[in-house]
Protein backbone atom coordinates (compact mmCIF):
# COMPACT_ATOMS: atom_id res chain seq x y z
CA MET A 1 0.00 0.00 0.00
CA LYS A 2 1.21 3.48 -0.87
CA LEU A 3 0.11 6.76 0.64
CA ALA A 4 -1.89 9.50 -1.06
CA ALA A 5 -3.16 12.84 0.18
CA GLN A 6 -6.95 13.13 0.01
CA LEU A 7 -7.26 16.68 -1.27
CA TYR A 8 -10.62 17.23 0.43
CA SER A 9 -8.52 17.88 3.54
CA LEU A 10 -7.14 20.97 1.78
CA ARG A 11 -10.39 22.19 0.21
CA GLU A 12 -10.04 25.73 1.62
CA HIS A 13 -6.70 25.95 -0.20
CA LEU A 14 -7.99 24.68 -3.58
CA LYS A 15 -10.32 27.47 -4.70
CA THR A 16 -8.45 28.62 -7.83
CA PRO A 17 -5.95 27.07 -10.26
CA GLU A 18 -3.23 29.13 -8.57
CA ASP A 19 -4.27 27.77 -5.16
CA ILE A 20 -4.25 24.24 -6.55
CA ALA A 21 -0.76 24.67 -7.99
CA SER A 22 0.55 25.90 -4.64
CA ALA A 23 -1.19 23.15 -2.68
CA LEU A 24 0.10 20.35 -4.90
CA LYS A 25 3.64 21.67 -4.54
CA GLN A 26 3.27 21.59 -0.74
CA VAL A 27 1.76 18.10 -0.80
CA LYS A 28 4.76 16.85 -2.76
CA ALA A 29 7.14 18.59 -0.35
CA ILE A 30 5.55 16.72 2.58
CA GLY A 31 6.49 13.46 0.88
CA TYR A 32 3.29 12.30 -0.80
CA ASN A 33 3.65 10.96 -4.33
CA ALA A 34 -0.07 10.64 -5.04
CA VAL A 35 -3.33 12.49 -4.47
CA GLN A 36 -7.03 11.76 -4.47
CA VAL A 37 -8.89 14.53 -6.31
CA SER A 38 -11.78 15.88 -4.24
CA GLY A 39 -13.01 19.21 -2.90
CA MET A 40 -11.34 21.18 -5.64
CA GLY A 41 -12.40 24.44 -7.24
CA PRO A 42 -12.84 24.84 -11.02
CA ILE A 43 -9.88 23.74 -13.11
CA GLU A 44 -9.67 22.18 -16.56
CA PRO A 45 -8.80 18.46 -16.46
CA ALA A 46 -5.79 18.99 -18.75
CA ALA A 47 -4.50 21.81 -16.54
CA LEU A 48 -4.76 19.61 -13.46
CA LYS A 49 -2.92 16.83 -15.27
CA GLU A 50 -0.12 19.28 -16.13
CA LEU A 51 0.16 20.35 -12.48
CA THR A 52 0.23 16.83 -11.07
CA ASP A 53 2.78 15.73 -13.67
CA ALA A 54 4.94 18.77 -12.95
CA ASN A 55 4.98 17.86 -9.26
CA GLY A 56 5.51 14.13 -9.78
CA LEU A 57 2.10 13.26 -8.33
CA THR A 58 -0.12 10.38 -9.39
CA ILE A 59 -3.89 10.88 -9.34
CA CYS A 60 -4.78 7.56 -7.73
CA ALA A 61 -8.51 8.11 -7.18
CA THR A 62 -11.27 10.72 -7.21
CA HIS A 63 -14.61 11.62 -5.70
CA ILE A 64 -17.18 12.47 -8.36
CA GLY A 65 -20.68 13.88 -7.81
CA TYR A 66 -23.57 11.47 -8.24
CA ALA A 67 -25.18 13.70 -10.87
CA ASP A 68 -22.02 13.53 -12.99
CA LEU A 69 -21.99 9.75 -12.72
CA THR A 70 -25.59 9.53 -13.89
CA GLU A 71 -25.71 12.40 -16.39
CA LYS A 72 -22.15 13.05 -17.62
CA MET A 73 -20.58 9.61 -17.80
CA ASP A 74 -18.70 10.29 -21.04
CA GLU A 75 -17.01 13.31 -19.45
CA VAL A 76 -16.19 11.34 -16.29
CA ILE A 77 -14.60 8.55 -18.31
CA ALA A 78 -12.60 10.92 -20.52
CA LYS A 79 -11.30 12.83 -17.51
CA HIS A 80 -10.13 9.72 -15.67
CA GLN A 81 -8.51 8.29 -18.77
CA LEU A 82 -6.67 11.57 -19.29
CA TRP A 83 -5.45 11.47 -15.69
CA GLY A 84 -4.47 7.80 -15.85
CA CYS A 85 -6.72 7.31 -12.83
CA GLN A 86 -8.49 3.95 -12.48
CA TYR A 87 -10.58 4.50 -9.35
CA VAL A 88 -13.73 6.61 -9.71
CA GLY A 89 -15.19 7.33 -6.28
CA LEU A 90 -18.57 8.40 -4.96
CA GLY A 91 -18.24 10.20 -1.64
CA GLY A 92 -21.56 9.11 -0.16
CA LEU A 93 -25.05 7.77 -0.68
CA PRO A 94 -27.47 10.39 -2.06
CA GLN A 95 -29.89 11.52 0.64
CA GLU A 96 -32.98 10.05 -1.02
CA TYR A 97 -31.70 6.47 -0.62
CA ARG A 98 -30.61 6.62 3.03
CA THR A 99 -33.83 6.08 4.95
CA SER A 100 -34.98 2.57 4.08
CA LYS A 101 -33.91 -0.91 3.06
CA GLU A 102 -35.61 -0.33 -0.28
CA GLY A 103 -33.61 2.84 -0.76
CA TYR A 104 -30.34 0.98 -0.29
CA GLN A 105 -31.50 -1.77 -2.63
CA THR A 106 -32.45 0.76 -5.29
CA PHE A 107 -29.09 2.47 -4.99
CA ALA A 108 -27.30 -0.88 -5.18
CA GLU A 109 -28.95 -1.45 -8.57
CA LYS A 110 -28.02 2.02 -9.80
CA ALA A 111 -24.44 1.71 -8.50
CA SER A 112 -24.09 -1.58 -10.33
CA VAL A 113 -25.14 0.07 -13.60
CA ILE A 114 -22.61 2.87 -13.04
CA GLY A 115 -19.93 0.33 -12.18
CA ARG A 116 -20.54 -1.69 -15.32
CA GLN A 117 -20.29 1.42 -17.50
CA LEU A 118 -16.98 2.35 -15.89
CA LYS A 119 -15.70 -1.21 -16.13
CA GLU A 120 -16.27 -1.18 -19.90
CA ALA A 121 -13.96 1.85 -20.03
CA GLY A 122 -11.27 0.12 -17.96
CA LEU A 123 -12.14 1.99 -14.76
CA LYS A 124 -13.46 0.91 -11.35
CA PHE A 125 -16.31 2.42 -9.36
CA ILE A 126 -15.58 2.73 -5.62
CA TYR A 127 -18.09 3.65 -2.90
CA HIS A 128 -17.01 5.68 0.15
CA ASN A 129 -18.97 5.22 3.38
CA HIS A 130 -19.83 7.45 6.31
CA ASP A 131 -21.45 6.33 9.58
CA PHE A 132 -25.10 6.46 8.44
CA GLU A 133 -24.66 3.27 6.39
CA PHE A 134 -24.36 1.40 9.70
CA ALA A 135 -27.99 2.12 10.59
CA LYS A 136 -29.99 -1.11 10.66
CA PHE A 137 -32.97 -1.88 8.49
CA GLY A 138 -34.39 -5.07 9.94
CA ASP A 139 -31.52 -7.45 10.54
CA LYS A 140 -29.01 -5.79 8.18
CA THR A 141 -27.17 -2.50 8.09
CA GLY A 142 -27.14 -0.31 5.03
CA ILE A 143 -23.51 -1.14 4.34
CA GLU A 144 -24.30 -4.85 4.45
CA ILE A 145 -27.09 -4.34 1.90
CA LEU A 146 -24.68 -2.51 -0.39
CA LEU A 147 -22.02 -5.19 0.01
CA GLU A 148 -24.46 -8.01 -0.74
CA GLU A 149 -26.61 -6.45 -3.46
CA THR A 150 -24.16 -4.51 -5.62
CA ASP A 151 -22.48 -6.32 -8.52
CA ARG A 152 -19.24 -7.53 -6.96
CA ASP A 153 -17.51 -7.41 -10.36
CA ALA A 154 -18.50 -3.78 -10.96
CA VAL A 155 -18.62 -2.05 -7.56
CA ASP A 156 -15.75 -1.81 -5.10
CA PHE A 157 -15.57 -0.08 -1.73
CA GLU A 158 -13.40 2.69 -0.33
CA LEU A 159 -13.85 2.21 3.39
CA ASP A 160 -13.30 5.25 5.57
CA VAL A 161 -11.96 3.73 8.77
CA TYR A 162 -12.99 6.71 10.93
CA TRP A 163 -16.61 6.50 9.79
CA VAL A 164 -16.67 2.73 10.22
CA GLN A 165 -15.58 3.25 13.82
CA ALA A 166 -18.08 6.07 14.32
CA GLY A 167 -20.83 3.80 13.01
CA GLY A 168 -20.01 1.14 15.59
CA GLY A 169 -18.12 -1.15 13.22
CA ASP A 170 -14.68 -2.71 13.59
CA PRO A 171 -12.50 -1.14 10.87
CA ALA A 172 -10.11 -4.09 10.58
CA GLU A 173 -13.00 -6.55 10.42
CA TRP A 174 -14.74 -4.52 7.74
CA ILE A 175 -11.56 -4.25 5.69
CA ARG A 176 -11.45 -8.04 5.65
CA LYS A 177 -15.15 -8.22 4.76
CA VAL A 178 -14.51 -6.32 1.53
CA ASN A 179 -11.57 -8.53 0.56
CA GLY A 180 -11.36 -8.60 -3.22
CA ARG A 181 -13.40 -5.41 -3.50
CA MET A 182 -11.17 -2.65 -2.13
CA LYS A 183 -7.97 -1.15 -3.48
CA VAL A 184 -8.33 2.34 -1.96
CA VAL A 185 -8.91 3.02 1.76
CA HIS A 186 -9.34 6.27 3.69
CA LEU A 187 -6.94 6.54 6.62
CA LYS A 188 -8.24 8.87 9.31
CA ASP A 189 -8.01 8.80 13.10
CA MET A 190 -10.44 9.62 15.90
CA ALA A 191 -9.69 11.42 19.15
CA VAL A 192 -12.09 11.72 22.09
CA THR A 193 -12.26 14.71 24.44
CA ASN A 194 -12.97 14.61 28.16
CA ASP A 195 -16.45 15.98 27.44
CA ARG A 196 -17.14 13.00 25.14
CA LYS A 197 -16.75 14.66 21.76
CA GLN A 198 -15.35 12.64 18.88
CA LEU A 199 -12.87 14.65 16.82
CA PHE A 200 -11.02 14.06 13.59
CA SER A 201 -7.36 13.52 14.34
CA GLU A 202 -4.07 13.07 12.57
CA VAL A 203 -3.36 9.38 12.03
CA GLY A 204 -1.38 8.14 15.01
CA GLU A 205 -2.57 10.95 17.27
CA GLY A 206 -5.99 9.49 18.05
CA ASN A 207 -7.33 6.33 19.62
CA MET A 208 -7.91 3.99 16.69
CA ASN A 209 -5.95 0.76 16.39
CA PHE A 210 -3.93 1.46 13.27
CA LYS A 211 -1.70 -1.56 13.77
CA ARG A 212 -4.72 -3.81 13.15
CA ILE A 213 -6.08 -1.56 10.43
CA LEU A 214 -2.84 -1.60 8.46
CA GLU A 215 -2.41 -5.34 8.95
CA ALA A 216 -5.86 -5.88 7.46
CA CYS A 217 -5.07 -3.58 4.53
CA ARG A 218 -1.93 -5.57 3.77
CA GLU A 219 -3.81 -8.86 4.03
CA ILE A 220 -6.36 -7.93 1.36
CA GLY A 221 -3.96 -6.10 -0.94
CA VAL A 222 -5.04 -2.48 -0.65
CA GLU A 223 -3.08 -0.39 -3.15
CA TRP A 224 -3.65 3.16 -1.88
CA GLY A 225 -4.06 4.60 1.61
CA ALA A 226 -5.62 8.04 1.13
CA VAL A 227 -4.89 10.18 4.18
CA GLU A 228 -7.73 12.49 5.13
CA GLN A 229 -8.71 14.83 7.94
CA ASP A 230 -12.14 16.41 7.52
CA GLN A 231 -11.50 19.13 10.10
CA CYS A 232 -8.28 20.42 11.60
CA TYR A 233 -9.87 22.71 14.25
CA GLY A 234 -7.77 25.77 13.47
CA ARG A 235 -4.55 23.92 12.74
CA ASN A 236 -2.85 24.14 9.36
CA PRO A 237 -4.20 21.22 7.26
CA PHE A 238 -0.83 20.83 5.54
CA ASP A 239 0.73 20.30 8.98
CA CYS A 240 -1.97 17.74 9.76
CA LEU A 241 -1.21 15.82 6.56
CA GLN A 242 2.48 15.98 7.45
CA THR A 243 1.90 14.53 10.94
CA SER A 244 -0.22 11.69 9.56
CA PHE A 245 2.37 11.02 6.87
CA ASN A 246 5.19 10.85 9.42
CA HIS A 247 3.32 8.44 11.69
CA LEU A 248 2.26 6.17 8.82
CA ARG A 249 5.80 6.03 7.45
CA ARG A 250 7.01 5.00 10.91
CA MET A 251 4.29 2.32 10.86
CA GLY A 252 5.88 0.92 7.73
CA VAL A 253 3.61 2.29 5.00
CA ASP A 254 5.34 3.18 1.73
CA ALA A 255 5.30 6.73 0.45
């Protein structure tokens, strides 16, 4: 597994092409050799490709809006092929499917269609979870419905280990559950305050068991560990990505 910076962490520093150029240069200086494209302001796909190439950065994965996946598939495919990026991610279940078993089943069908279209183009659809997928509908959680009812040859997962933990799941166990269907994982830690708040934390600074998490990732052959921190609580997000990078390198993860 190699590390990538999930650019959503830097979204306040990605508003313009000039911002993006500066941010990518800083990401490379930290030590990352890859990025996941997400949370970025307007920039032409070719211009982004030029910037990542100039900084020696691979675009390993993306997050794409659901509307683009359903209405602009040709553009999505062309962009990812231009970038040399195989993994096309959806950042979360659209709101209208979240409240019932039938909603999850309907989305599973739609995700399978999307995944098959991308597969024909040599790409792979990956689904990123939050905590709401761990709500139960009868005897199964939403995430279990998605795992069981999506086309396993067309839909992969991009587990976010923080949100698995927040949803009451065991991140290492869930990584093993998606064996054969996950090549990109989100690495993110959780800290807890003395007044019982759960906070996003730099990897290695929180309470999650990253030894077990990384062992599970190695077992199933995860290719990319995308480092993310949704909120930095006033700290510099580049510094947060640096701290996570340093800890993960010490844990034996390749840059």
